[in-house]
Amino acid sequence: MAGVVSKKVFKKDPGSLEELAIRGLGVIDEATIEFKPGLNVITGETGAGKTMVLTALSLILGGKSEPQLVRHDAQRVLASGRFSLSDKAQLSIREELENIGAEIEDGSILLTRQVTKDGKSRASIGGASATAGLLSEIGSQLIAVHGQHASLQLSKSAHQRDHLDSFGGESLQKALSSFTELRHELLQLRKRINELSKALQSRDRELQDLQVLVKDFEKVKPQTNELEELDTLISRLGSVESLREASSNALAALEDETGGVLSALGLARRSLTMNQGKDRGLDAIADQISDSFFSLSDAASSLNRYIENLNADPGSLNFAQERKALLLSFAKKYGAGDLDEAATRARSAASRMGDLHGGDETLHQLQSEHSLLFEQVKKSLHELSSQRKSAATLLGKEVSKELAALSMPNGQFEIRVSTEEIDEKSDIKESGADEVEMLFSSHGGNLLPISKAASGGELSRLLLAIELTLAGKNRLETYVFDEVDAGIGGKAALEVGKRLRQLADDAQVIVVTHLPQVALWADHHVVVEKSENGAVTSSALRIVDGEERESEIARMLSGLEESEHAQDHARELLELRNLHFR
């Protein structure tokens, strides 16, 4: 049957955009589109609202929100997209999702964006609130939108470098991996050197402080219990006269021949000694009195010596006071007022100074290791740059070939890799020392950066050519193309469609097109239909297959669904597609 289209068997079923829901956006009141793996095409009459589908995608991918997007009879725009995620995609965005508390349900994630008439915007990812920036970050790892009005990530040098690295294959990836490992080692070594350098700077300051401490200690040389002894000495020297009077009076009380204690005890002792041996009880008392007599006699002798040695020299008092002040100052400076603590610190200073010496040798050794490792990093950077330059030459040639097949016979594509000179003090980037720039000319003129050198349609075809060349690298889940067929027709349009079909072998592809030669290659065909009700214009989305799809192809061919000639032509094109898959 002419209306039946053969189904393509896909190599794999990676993650993809499963569903796009739109409400209150431009001419679309409410619509839900289901997308499938493979090639999805969106067609419809001019003004029906095909671009609104891309606008909805742009919103859920963090694009600019504008109040004029809101349908005139609605209060807000609501766009949501459900993405099924491959294991690779889940791994790449897991950290971002965990940070906001987003959830993956049954292997899929929902991205939602709401814009009100007053311009306020709200976004969510997996049921968790998110910023437009995070939508963009997450979305960029899942889907690439190529079109005149879409943000062109490929214009950024980092993305261009990523594309080149993907194309470079195993040898480039090996060089990149080797550089990454060596760079990590170098950064860790630099960290150790910086930490040790800071420690040595601190060490030098500590050594100076320790040297001052030891010097001050040598000046003071405090002795054990010296403060207590000085306090005693100062107290004694400051009270010489009163001490002399007291000790003299005490001595007189002991030695006075008529009323002294020793005379009385001597008399008592002699009296009892005369009767010794007559009564044990009295003998014991006599012994006690004898002991007291001899003890007081010794005390009297001590008092005599004390009085003889009692010195009232003012110089000795001044010396003792100055010595005490010196010790207290040292204690305050190094021991928070505790002389023993200050002395302990000083005695351990020598050992600490010994411990601090020797770091210079270690630092010198690490610096030598850094020089050797840097040379390895430099060598790996050279190898990486060489691999990139070789890959750039080959990628440029292959993309240029694809451009010729996409109705751009004079299209030229080139990738320039410039390498920055580095030294041991350079901040080495994670990506290496290369700057990558993609240049393009659609008509054989001067090569310019791709963002400046192509119209919307040319740019889409250029990006299609690049993606085709990179097919099978598994970089993204979904690709969206708008105006990829602008300015072409006939055989060239068939070739574009065939190339889109080829890309869809390895990823989901969504194409907005007005060419039947492109639409016929679709695995899933969505039609945007416009209806009018008085002053109100609205659009609806409908999936077509079989005869309905044949009619849509016929309309695209002639503008008339009922044209018998167009119907025949549509059947012919669909048969051509079927033959391709047999």
Protein backbone atom coordinates (compact mmCIF):
# COMPACT_ATOMS: atom_id res chain seq x y z
CA MET A 1 0.00 0.00 0.00
CA ALA A 2 1.35 3.37 -1.01
CA GLY A 3 0.37 5.09 2.24
CA VAL A 4 2.18 2.58 4.45
CA VAL A 5 5.68 3.56 5.32
CA SER A 6 8.35 1.04 6.21
CA LYS A 7 9.69 1.41 9.73
CA LYS A 8 13.39 1.91 10.31
CA VAL A 9 15.10 -0.43 12.73
CA PHE A 10 17.20 1.68 15.08
CA LYS A 11 20.70 0.74 16.15
CA LYS A 12 19.88 1.66 19.72
CA ASP A 13 17.33 3.44 21.85
CA PRO A 14 19.20 6.20 23.67
CA GLY A 15 17.65 8.82 25.88
CA SER A 16 15.36 11.26 24.12
CA LEU A 17 12.73 13.98 24.41
CA GLU A 18 9.55 11.97 25.02
CA GLU A 19 6.92 14.66 25.32
CA LEU A 20 6.53 18.41 24.94
CA ALA A 21 3.47 20.07 26.52
CA ILE A 22 2.51 23.64 25.60
CA ARG A 23 -0.20 25.90 27.02
CA GLY A 24 -0.98 29.55 26.25
CA LEU A 25 1.99 30.12 23.90
CA GLY A 26 1.40 32.37 20.89
CA VAL A 27 -1.11 30.74 18.56
CA ILE A 28 -1.12 27.51 20.56
CA ASP A 29 -3.85 27.29 23.16
CA GLU A 30 -2.99 23.84 24.46
CA ALA A 31 -1.09 21.01 22.84
CA THR A 32 0.97 17.96 23.70
CA ILE A 33 3.46 16.39 21.31
CA GLU A 34 4.89 12.91 21.73
CA PHE A 35 8.30 12.41 20.19
CA LYS A 36 9.91 9.07 19.40
CA PRO A 37 13.44 7.81 18.84
CA GLY A 38 14.72 8.39 15.34
CA LEU A 39 13.75 11.24 13.03
CA ASN A 40 10.79 13.39 14.05
CA VAL A 41 9.53 16.07 11.62
CA ILE A 42 7.19 18.96 12.33
CA THR A 43 5.34 20.44 9.37
CA GLY A 44 2.44 22.82 8.80
CA GLU A 45 1.29 25.84 6.85
CA THR A 46 3.09 29.15 7.18
CA GLY A 47 1.87 30.90 10.31
CA ALA A 48 0.45 27.72 11.80
CA GLY A 49 2.82 27.86 14.75
CA LYS A 50 5.73 25.54 13.94
CA THR A 51 8.16 28.05 15.42
CA MET A 52 6.15 28.04 18.66
CA VAL A 53 7.28 24.46 19.18
CA LEU A 54 10.89 25.67 19.07
CA THR A 55 10.00 28.60 21.31
CA ALA A 56 8.58 26.19 23.88
CA LEU A 57 11.77 24.14 23.68
CA SER A 58 13.84 27.29 24.13
CA LEU A 59 11.89 28.17 27.28
CA ILE A 60 12.41 24.80 28.96
CA LEU A 61 16.09 25.01 28.04
CA GLY A 62 16.53 28.29 29.92
CA GLY A 63 15.92 30.70 27.03
CA LYS A 64 14.82 34.31 27.50
CA SER A 65 11.30 34.74 28.83
CA GLU A 66 9.21 37.53 27.34
CA PRO A 67 5.65 38.49 28.35
CA GLN A 68 4.59 38.89 24.68
CA LEU A 69 4.91 35.12 24.34
CA VAL A 70 1.75 34.72 26.40
CA ARG A 71 -1.34 34.04 24.28
CA HIS A 72 -3.72 37.04 24.30
CA ASP A 73 -6.52 35.14 26.03
CA ALA A 74 -4.23 33.40 28.56
CA GLN A 75 -2.62 34.49 31.80
CA ARG A 76 0.62 32.58 31.42
CA VAL A 77 2.72 30.37 29.21
CA LEU A 78 3.40 26.88 30.49
CA ALA A 79 5.92 24.67 28.70
CA SER A 80 7.22 21.34 29.93
CA GLY A 81 9.40 18.68 28.41
CA ARG A 82 9.88 15.12 29.60
CA PHE A 83 13.23 13.55 28.78
CA SER A 84 14.08 9.89 29.08
CA LEU A 85 17.66 9.59 30.22
CA SER A 86 20.32 7.16 29.18
CA ASP A 87 22.70 5.89 31.85
CA LYS A 88 25.34 8.28 30.54
CA ALA A 89 22.99 11.28 30.76
CA GLN A 90 21.89 10.37 34.30
CA LEU A 91 25.51 10.21 35.38
CA SER A 92 26.39 13.56 33.78
CA ILE A 93 23.60 15.51 35.50
CA ARG A 94 23.31 13.57 38.77
CA GLU A 95 25.24 16.07 40.89
CA GLU A 96 23.21 19.08 39.68
CA LEU A 97 19.95 17.24 40.35
CA GLU A 98 21.03 16.17 43.84
CA ASN A 99 22.02 19.74 44.72
CA ILE A 100 18.44 21.01 44.22
CA GLY A 101 16.61 17.88 45.36
CA ALA A 102 15.30 16.98 41.89
CA GLU A 103 14.14 13.44 41.23
CA ILE A 104 14.44 11.10 38.28
CA GLU A 105 11.25 9.05 37.91
CA ASP A 106 11.34 5.84 35.89
CA GLY A 107 14.46 6.99 34.09
CA SER A 108 13.03 10.34 33.00
CA ILE A 109 13.20 13.99 34.12
CA LEU A 110 10.63 16.77 33.69
CA LEU A 111 11.79 20.32 32.84
CA THR A 112 9.12 23.01 33.28
CA ARG A 113 9.00 26.75 32.57
CA GLN A 114 6.20 29.23 33.31
CA VAL A 115 6.03 32.86 32.12
CA THR A 116 3.28 35.27 33.21
CA LYS A 117 1.99 38.35 31.40
CA ASP A 118 3.95 40.60 33.75
CA GLY A 119 7.17 38.88 32.67
CA LYS A 120 7.75 36.78 35.79
CA SER A 121 9.34 33.42 35.18
CA ARG A 122 9.39 30.20 37.21
CA ALA A 123 11.26 27.02 36.44
CA SER A 124 11.49 23.54 37.88
CA ILE A 125 13.48 20.38 37.27
CA GLY A 126 12.20 17.05 38.49
CA GLY A 127 9.67 18.78 40.77
CA ALA A 128 12.30 21.04 42.38
CA SER A 129 12.56 24.80 41.86
CA ALA A 130 15.40 25.82 39.60
CA THR A 131 16.87 28.83 37.84
CA ALA A 132 16.80 29.44 34.11
CA GLY A 133 20.58 29.10 34.18
CA LEU A 134 20.34 25.61 35.65
CA LEU A 135 17.74 24.68 33.02
CA SER A 136 20.25 25.72 30.40
CA GLU A 137 23.07 23.80 32.07
CA ILE A 138 21.02 20.60 32.36
CA GLY A 139 19.45 20.97 28.94
CA SER A 140 22.79 21.53 27.19
CA GLN A 141 23.81 18.02 28.23
CA LEU A 142 20.65 16.49 26.74
CA ILE A 143 19.69 18.40 23.62
CA ALA A 144 21.16 20.78 21.04
CA VAL A 145 18.91 23.22 19.21
CA HIS A 146 20.27 24.45 15.88
CA GLY A 147 18.40 27.30 14.30
CA GLN A 148 18.34 30.96 13.44
CA HIS A 149 16.78 32.04 16.69
CA ALA A 150 18.27 29.43 18.98
CA SER A 151 21.29 30.01 21.17
CA LEU A 152 24.29 28.66 19.33
CA GLN A 153 26.52 26.87 21.81
CA LEU A 154 28.92 25.90 19.08
CA SER A 155 29.98 29.54 18.71
CA LYS A 156 31.81 29.15 22.02
CA SER A 157 35.43 28.03 21.82
CA ALA A 158 34.98 25.47 24.60
CA HIS A 159 32.18 23.69 22.71
CA GLN A 160 34.18 23.78 19.50
CA ARG A 161 37.09 22.15 21.31
CA ASP A 162 34.77 19.48 22.75
CA HIS A 163 33.49 18.68 19.24
CA LEU A 164 37.04 18.39 17.96
CA ASP A 165 38.09 16.15 20.87
CA SER A 166 35.08 13.90 20.24
CA PHE A 167 36.06 13.58 16.59
CA GLY A 168 39.71 12.87 17.35
CA GLY A 169 38.95 9.35 18.45
CA GLU A 170 40.98 7.02 20.63
CA SER A 171 44.42 8.52 19.98
CA LEU A 172 43.32 12.05 20.90
CA GLN A 173 41.39 10.82 23.93
CA LYS A 174 44.48 8.91 25.06
CA ALA A 175 46.57 12.08 24.76
CA LEU A 176 43.91 14.08 26.60
CA SER A 177 43.69 11.47 29.37
CA SER A 178 47.49 11.39 29.76
CA PHE A 179 47.64 15.18 29.99
CA THR A 180 44.77 15.25 32.50
CA GLU A 181 46.56 12.80 34.80
CA LEU A 182 49.88 14.63 34.59
CA ARG A 183 48.18 17.99 35.14
CA HIS A 184 46.50 16.60 38.26
CA GLU A 185 49.88 15.43 39.59
CA LEU A 186 51.41 18.81 38.81
CA LEU A 187 48.62 20.70 40.57
CA GLN A 188 48.94 18.46 43.64
CA LEU A 189 52.70 19.04 43.70
CA ARG A 190 52.18 22.79 43.34
CA LYS A 191 49.80 22.64 46.28
CA ARG A 192 52.45 20.90 48.42
CA ILE A 193 55.08 23.45 47.40
CA ASN A 194 52.79 26.38 48.20
CA GLU A 195 51.85 24.91 51.58
CA LEU A 196 55.51 24.25 52.45
CA SER A 197 56.55 27.73 51.26
CA LYS A 198 53.94 29.29 53.49
CA ALA A 199 55.05 27.07 56.36
CA LEU A 200 58.67 28.08 55.81
CA GLN A 201 57.72 31.74 55.81
CA SER A 202 55.94 31.14 59.08
CA ARG A 203 58.92 29.11 60.22
CA ASP A 204 61.31 32.00 59.63
CA ARG A 205 59.14 34.27 61.74
CA GLU A 206 58.95 31.63 64.47
CA LEU A 207 62.72 31.14 64.40
CA GLN A 208 63.24 34.85 64.92
CA ASP A 209 60.86 34.81 67.86
CA LEU A 210 62.59 31.76 69.35
CA GLN A 211 66.00 33.38 68.97
CA VAL A 212 64.80 36.46 70.87
CA LEU A 213 63.32 34.21 73.57
CA VAL A 214 66.59 32.30 74.02
CA LYS A 215 68.57 35.55 74.13
CA ASP A 216 66.27 37.01 76.77
CA PHE A 217 66.45 33.79 78.77
CA GLU A 218 70.24 33.86 78.75
CA LYS A 219 70.12 37.38 80.15
CA VAL A 220 67.76 36.38 82.98
CA LYS A 221 68.71 32.76 83.75
CA PRO A 222 66.04 32.27 86.44
CA GLN A 223 66.77 29.70 89.15
CA THR A 224 64.33 27.24 90.65
CA ASN A 225 62.11 28.94 93.28
CA GLU A 226 64.10 32.15 92.82
CA LEU A 227 61.04 34.41 93.04
CA GLU A 228 59.99 32.93 96.36
CA GLU A 229 63.51 33.32 97.72
CA LEU A 230 63.66 36.91 96.51
CA ASP A 231 60.34 37.68 98.18
CA THR A 232 61.75 36.33 101.44
CA LEU A 233 64.98 38.29 101.06
CA ILE A 234 63.17 41.53 100.20
CA SER A 235 60.88 41.11 103.16
CA ARG A 236 63.84 40.52 105.49
CA LEU A 237 65.98 43.36 104.16
CA GLY A 238 63.10 45.75 104.38
CA SER A 239 62.52 44.92 108.10
CA VAL A 240 66.06 44.72 109.55
CA GLU A 241 65.58 47.01 112.58
CA SER A 242 62.34 45.45 113.74
CA LEU A 243 63.86 41.98 113.27
CA ARG A 244 66.96 43.03 115.25
CA GLU A 245 64.87 44.38 118.13
CA ALA A 246 62.66 41.30 118.24
CA SER A 247 65.54 38.85 118.17
CA SER A 248 67.49 40.85 120.83
CA ASN A 249 64.50 40.93 123.15
CA ALA A 250 63.99 37.25 122.66
CA LEU A 251 67.64 36.54 123.40
CA ALA A 252 67.51 38.67 126.54
CA ALA A 253 64.46 36.78 127.72
CA LEU A 254 66.36 33.58 127.33
CA GLU A 255 69.79 34.58 128.73
CA ASP A 256 69.06 37.10 131.54
CA GLU A 257 70.96 35.87 134.57
CA THR A 258 68.31 36.88 137.06
CA GLY A 259 65.03 36.43 135.20
CA GLY A 260 65.89 34.58 132.01
CA VAL A 261 64.27 31.35 130.94
CA LEU A 262 67.57 29.51 130.71
CA SER A 263 68.52 30.48 134.33
CA ALA A 264 65.15 29.24 135.58
CA LEU A 265 65.38 25.99 133.61
CA GLY A 266 69.00 25.50 134.76
CA LEU A 267 67.94 25.87 138.40
CA ALA A 268 65.02 23.43 137.94
CA ARG A 269 67.27 20.95 136.11
CA ARG A 270 69.95 21.01 138.82
CA SER A 271 67.36 20.57 141.61
CA LEU A 272 65.81 17.51 139.96
CA THR A 273 69.16 16.02 139.00
CA MET A 274 70.11 15.90 142.69
CA ASN A 275 67.23 13.49 143.33
CA GLN A 276 67.62 11.41 140.17
CA GLY A 277 66.99 7.69 140.56
CA LYS A 278 64.62 7.96 143.51
CA ASP A 279 61.38 8.04 141.50
CA ARG A 280 60.90 7.07 137.88
CA GLY A 281 58.02 9.52 137.45
CA LEU A 282 60.11 12.46 138.60
CA ASP A 283 63.06 11.24 136.48
CA ALA A 284 60.87 11.48 133.36
CA ILE A 285 59.96 15.05 134.23
CA ALA A 286 63.57 15.87 134.85
CA ASP A 287 64.43 14.52 131.32
CA GLN A 288 61.78 16.78 129.79
CA ILE A 289 63.15 19.84 131.55
CA SER A 290 66.69 18.87 130.48
CA ASP A 291 65.54 18.56 126.80
CA SER A 292 63.86 21.98 127.01
CA PHE A 293 66.96 23.53 128.53
CA PHE A 294 69.24 22.24 125.76
CA SER A 295 66.76 23.14 123.04
CA LEU A 296 66.40 26.71 124.27
CA SER A 297 70.12 26.92 124.68
CA ASP A 298 70.50 26.00 120.97
CA ALA A 299 67.83 28.61 120.11
CA ALA A 300 69.72 31.25 122.02
CA SER A 301 72.87 30.40 120.06
CA SER A 302 70.93 30.67 116.79
CA LEU A 303 69.56 34.06 117.83
CA ASN A 304 73.08 35.25 118.53
CA ARG A 305 74.28 34.18 115.08
CA TYR A 306 71.14 35.66 113.44
CA ILE A 307 71.75 39.05 115.12
CA GLU A 308 75.41 38.98 114.15
CA ASN A 309 74.55 38.24 110.47
CA LEU A 310 71.58 40.61 110.19
CA ASN A 311 72.54 43.00 107.35
CA ALA A 312 70.90 46.35 106.75
CA ASP A 313 72.80 47.06 103.49
CA PRO A 314 70.44 49.14 101.19
CA GLY A 315 72.35 47.97 98.11
CA SER A 316 71.37 44.38 98.71
CA LEU A 317 67.70 45.37 98.98
CA ASN A 318 67.83 47.33 95.71
CA PHE A 319 69.50 44.45 93.90
CA ALA A 320 66.88 42.00 95.11
CA GLN A 321 64.04 44.29 94.05
CA GLU A 322 65.52 44.86 90.57
CA ARG A 323 66.12 41.14 90.13
CA LYS A 324 62.51 40.41 91.01
CA ALA A 325 61.25 43.02 88.53
CA LEU A 326 63.41 41.49 85.77
CA LEU A 327 62.06 38.01 86.45
CA LEU A 328 58.45 39.24 86.50
CA SER A 329 58.92 41.07 83.17
CA PHE A 330 60.30 37.90 81.55
CA ALA A 331 57.43 35.87 82.98
CA LYS A 332 54.85 38.33 81.65
CA LYS A 333 56.38 38.42 78.15
CA TYR A 334 56.80 34.69 77.61
CA GLY A 335 54.66 32.92 80.18
CA ALA A 336 51.54 35.04 80.74
CA GLY A 337 52.93 35.96 84.17
CA ASP A 338 54.07 32.44 85.04
CA LEU A 339 57.87 32.34 85.42
CA ASP A 340 58.02 28.55 85.35
CA GLU A 341 56.03 28.50 82.07
CA ALA A 342 58.30 31.12 80.51
CA ALA A 343 61.41 29.22 81.60
CA THR A 344 60.00 25.95 80.22
CA ARG A 345 59.33 27.61 76.83
CA ALA A 346 62.84 28.97 76.75
CA ARG A 347 64.43 25.62 77.60
CA SER A 348 62.44 23.87 74.82
CA ALA A 349 63.20 26.61 72.27
CA ALA A 350 66.49 25.07 71.25
CA SER A 351 64.83 21.76 70.45
CA ARG A 352 62.08 23.54 68.49
CA MET A 353 64.64 25.49 66.50
CA GLY A 354 66.31 22.24 65.56
CA ASP A 355 63.00 20.82 64.36
CA LEU A 356 62.36 23.84 62.16
CA HIS A 357 65.64 23.58 60.32
CA GLY A 358 65.77 21.30 57.25
CA GLY A 359 62.54 22.45 55.48
CA ASP A 360 64.58 24.32 52.89
CA GLU A 361 66.06 21.08 51.65
CA THR A 362 62.62 19.51 51.28
CA LEU A 363 61.35 22.57 49.41
CA HIS A 364 64.30 22.44 47.06
CA GLN A 365 63.62 18.76 46.38
CA LEU A 366 59.93 19.41 45.61
CA GLN A 367 60.85 22.27 43.29
CA SER A 368 63.18 19.96 41.41
CA GLU A 369 60.38 17.40 41.12
CA HIS A 370 58.10 20.16 39.83
CA SER A 371 60.56 21.06 37.08
CA LEU A 372 60.79 17.45 35.94
CA LEU A 373 57.02 16.93 36.07
CA PHE A 374 56.40 20.20 34.24
CA GLU A 375 58.56 18.97 31.37
CA GLN A 376 56.37 15.86 31.19
CA VAL A 377 53.23 18.01 31.20
CA LYS A 378 54.72 20.21 28.50
CA LYS A 379 55.49 17.14 26.40
CA SER A 380 51.95 15.81 26.88
CA LEU A 381 50.53 19.21 25.90
CA HIS A 382 52.58 19.12 22.73
CA GLU A 383 51.24 15.66 21.91
CA LEU A 384 47.68 16.78 22.65
CA SER A 385 48.06 19.83 20.42
CA SER A 386 49.51 17.68 17.65
CA GLN A 387 46.57 15.27 17.87
CA ARG A 388 44.10 18.14 17.83
CA LYS A 389 45.70 19.77 14.82
CA SER A 390 45.65 16.48 12.89
CA ALA A 391 42.01 15.92 13.86
CA ALA A 392 41.18 19.53 12.91
CA THR A 393 42.55 19.05 9.40
CA LEU A 394 40.61 15.83 8.89
CA LEU A 395 37.37 17.16 10.43
CA GLY A 396 37.57 20.27 8.24
CA LYS A 397 37.83 18.14 5.10
CA GLU A 398 35.01 15.77 6.06
CA VAL A 399 32.63 18.57 7.05
CA SER A 400 33.39 20.36 3.77
CA LYS A 401 32.44 17.16 1.90
CA GLU A 402 29.17 16.99 3.79
CA LEU A 403 28.46 20.63 2.95
CA ALA A 404 28.73 19.85 -0.76
CA ALA A 405 26.13 17.10 -0.34
CA LEU A 406 23.88 19.54 1.52
CA SER A 407 23.61 21.93 -1.46
CA MET A 408 26.56 24.04 -0.44
CA PRO A 409 29.13 23.05 -3.10
CA ASN A 410 31.34 26.07 -2.42
CA GLY A 411 31.11 25.80 1.34
CA GLN A 412 34.44 25.76 3.15
CA PHE A 413 35.00 24.71 6.72
CA GLU A 414 38.22 24.97 8.65
CA ILE A 415 39.35 24.51 12.24
CA ARG A 416 42.31 26.45 13.55
CA VAL A 417 44.14 25.31 16.63
CA SER A 418 46.43 27.86 18.30
CA THR A 419 48.65 26.82 21.17
CA GLU A 420 49.65 29.09 24.04
CA GLU A 421 53.24 29.07 25.24
CA ILE A 422 53.56 28.12 28.89
CA ASP A 423 56.26 28.11 31.55
CA GLU A 424 56.54 26.65 35.05
CA LYS A 425 54.53 29.51 36.52
CA SER A 426 51.68 29.29 34.00
CA ASP A 427 48.14 28.49 35.05
CA ILE A 428 47.56 25.34 33.03
CA LYS A 429 43.92 24.94 31.98
CA GLU A 430 42.04 21.71 32.34
CA SER A 431 41.51 21.65 28.57
CA GLY A 432 45.18 22.20 27.81
CA ALA A 433 46.94 25.08 26.09
CA ASP A 434 44.90 25.08 22.86
CA GLU A 435 42.35 27.57 21.60
CA VAL A 436 40.04 26.10 18.96
CA GLU A 437 38.22 28.23 16.40
CA MET A 438 35.83 26.98 13.71
CA LEU A 439 35.71 29.06 10.54
CA PHE A 440 33.22 28.93 7.69
CA SER A 441 32.47 30.39 4.29
CA SER A 442 29.29 29.44 2.42
CA HIS A 443 30.37 30.73 -1.00
CA GLY A 444 34.11 30.31 -1.11
CA GLY A 445 34.93 33.76 0.29
CA ASN A 446 36.93 34.71 3.35
CA LEU A 447 36.67 32.31 6.23
CA LEU A 448 34.96 33.83 9.27
CA PRO A 449 33.91 32.56 12.71
CA ILE A 450 30.84 30.41 12.18
CA SER A 451 28.56 32.73 14.17
CA LYS A 452 29.35 35.54 11.71
CA ALA A 453 29.62 33.66 8.43
CA ALA A 454 26.26 31.92 7.96
CA SER A 455 22.56 32.69 7.64
CA GLY A 456 20.06 30.74 9.68
CA GLY A 457 19.57 28.02 7.07
CA GLU A 458 23.26 27.82 6.19
CA LEU A 459 24.17 27.62 9.83
CA SER A 460 21.72 24.79 10.43
CA ARG A 461 23.15 22.85 7.47
CA LEU A 462 26.69 23.50 8.67
CA LEU A 463 25.81 22.16 12.09
CA LEU A 464 24.07 19.20 10.49
CA ALA A 465 27.25 18.51 8.52
CA ILE A 466 29.29 18.68 11.74
CA GLU A 467 26.90 16.44 13.65
CA LEU A 468 26.88 13.92 10.77
CA THR A 469 30.65 13.83 10.82
CA LEU A 470 30.55 13.26 14.58
CA ALA A 471 27.75 10.68 14.39
CA GLY A 472 28.24 7.77 16.72
CA LYS A 473 30.25 9.74 19.28
CA ASN A 474 27.25 9.73 21.67
CA ARG A 475 27.69 13.31 22.75
CA LEU A 476 24.02 14.25 23.14
CA GLU A 477 20.62 12.59 23.34
CA THR A 478 18.60 14.86 21.01
CA TYR A 479 19.25 17.29 18.15
CA VAL A 480 16.77 19.88 16.92
CA PHE A 481 17.12 21.61 13.54
CA ASP A 482 15.20 24.61 12.25
CA GLU A 483 15.53 26.01 8.74
CA VAL A 484 18.06 23.32 7.86
CA ASP A 485 16.42 23.15 4.41
CA ALA A 486 16.18 26.91 3.81
CA GLY A 487 16.99 27.91 0.22
CA ILE A 488 17.18 24.40 -1.24
CA GLY A 489 14.86 21.98 -3.00
CA GLY A 490 14.72 19.00 -5.28
CA LYS A 491 17.65 16.56 -5.12
CA ALA A 492 19.51 18.68 -2.56
CA ALA A 493 16.51 18.59 -0.25
CA LEU A 494 16.31 14.81 -0.60
CA GLU A 495 19.97 14.60 0.35
CA VAL A 496 19.41 16.78 3.42
CA GLY A 497 16.55 14.53 4.50
CA LYS A 498 18.66 11.43 3.93
CA ARG A 499 21.47 12.93 6.01
CA LEU A 500 19.07 13.78 8.84
CA ARG A 501 17.84 10.20 8.70
CA GLN A 502 21.45 9.05 8.95
CA LEU A 503 22.05 11.18 12.04
CA ALA A 504 18.91 9.73 13.60
CA ASP A 505 20.54 6.30 13.65
CA ASP A 506 22.57 7.40 16.66
CA ALA A 507 20.39 10.04 18.32
CA GLN A 508 16.91 11.46 18.36
CA VAL A 509 16.49 14.17 15.71
CA ILE A 510 13.66 16.72 15.57
CA VAL A 511 13.32 18.84 12.42
CA VAL A 512 11.01 21.73 11.62
CA THR A 513 10.67 21.73 7.83
CA HIS A 514 8.57 23.00 4.95
CA LEU A 515 10.04 20.60 2.38
CA PRO A 516 8.33 17.29 1.58
CA GLN A 517 11.70 15.87 0.43
CA VAL A 518 12.83 16.19 4.06
CA ALA A 519 9.55 15.26 5.74
CA LEU A 520 9.23 11.95 3.92
CA TRP A 521 12.25 10.52 5.78
CA ALA A 522 10.57 10.89 9.15
CA ASP A 523 9.89 8.03 11.53
CA HIS A 524 7.38 10.24 13.34
CA HIS A 525 5.44 13.02 11.62
CA VAL A 526 3.74 15.87 13.56
CA VAL A 527 1.51 18.40 11.77
CA VAL A 528 0.74 21.84 13.19
CA GLU A 529 -2.75 22.86 12.06
CA LYS A 530 -4.23 26.36 12.21
CA SER A 531 -7.89 27.05 12.82
CA GLU A 532 -9.74 30.33 12.96
CA ASN A 533 -12.77 31.23 15.03
CA GLY A 534 -13.70 34.82 14.32
CA ALA A 535 -10.82 36.96 15.55
CA VAL A 536 -9.25 34.07 17.42
CA THR A 537 -6.54 32.02 15.71
CA SER A 538 -5.29 28.84 17.34
CA SER A 539 -3.11 25.90 16.40
CA ALA A 540 -3.29 22.24 17.22
CA LEU A 541 -0.75 19.45 16.86
CA ARG A 542 -1.59 16.15 15.26
CA ILE A 543 0.38 13.00 14.56
CA VAL A 544 -0.15 11.71 11.02
CA ASP A 545 0.55 8.34 9.43
CA GLY A 546 -0.62 6.34 6.45
CA GLU A 547 -3.00 8.19 4.15
CA GLU A 548 -3.04 11.25 6.42
CA ARG A 549 0.67 11.55 6.06
CA GLU A 550 0.39 11.06 2.30
CA SER A 551 -2.07 13.96 2.21
CA GLU A 552 0.27 16.19 4.24
CA ILE A 553 3.16 15.41 1.87
CA ALA A 554 0.87 16.25 -1.06
CA ARG A 555 -0.06 19.57 0.56
CA MET A 556 3.60 20.39 1.05
CA LEU A 557 4.25 19.59 -2.62
CA SER A 558 1.49 21.67 -4.16
CA GLY A 559 -0.30 23.55 -1.41
CA LEU A 560 -3.42 21.49 -2.24
CA GLU A 561 -4.27 18.36 -0.31
CA GLU A 562 -6.82 17.20 -2.89
CA SER A 563 -4.55 17.53 -5.91
CA GLU A 564 -4.43 14.15 -7.63
CA HIS A 565 -1.06 14.96 -9.14
CA ALA A 566 0.32 15.94 -5.75
CA GLN A 567 -1.06 12.75 -4.22
CA ASP A 568 0.69 10.67 -6.87
CA HIS A 569 3.92 12.56 -6.28
CA ALA A 570 3.61 12.06 -2.52
CA ARG A 571 3.14 8.32 -2.98
CA GLU A 572 6.19 8.25 -5.25
CA LEU A 573 8.34 9.98 -2.64
CA LEU A 574 7.15 7.69 0.14
CA GLU A 575 7.88 4.66 -2.01
CA LEU A 576 11.37 6.04 -2.56
CA ARG A 577 11.82 6.16 1.20
CA ASN A 578 10.54 2.61 1.57
CA LEU A 579 13.02 1.37 -1.00
CA HIS A 580 15.83 2.98 0.95
CA PHE A 581 15.08 0.81 3.98
CA ARG A 582 14.55 -2.49 2.20
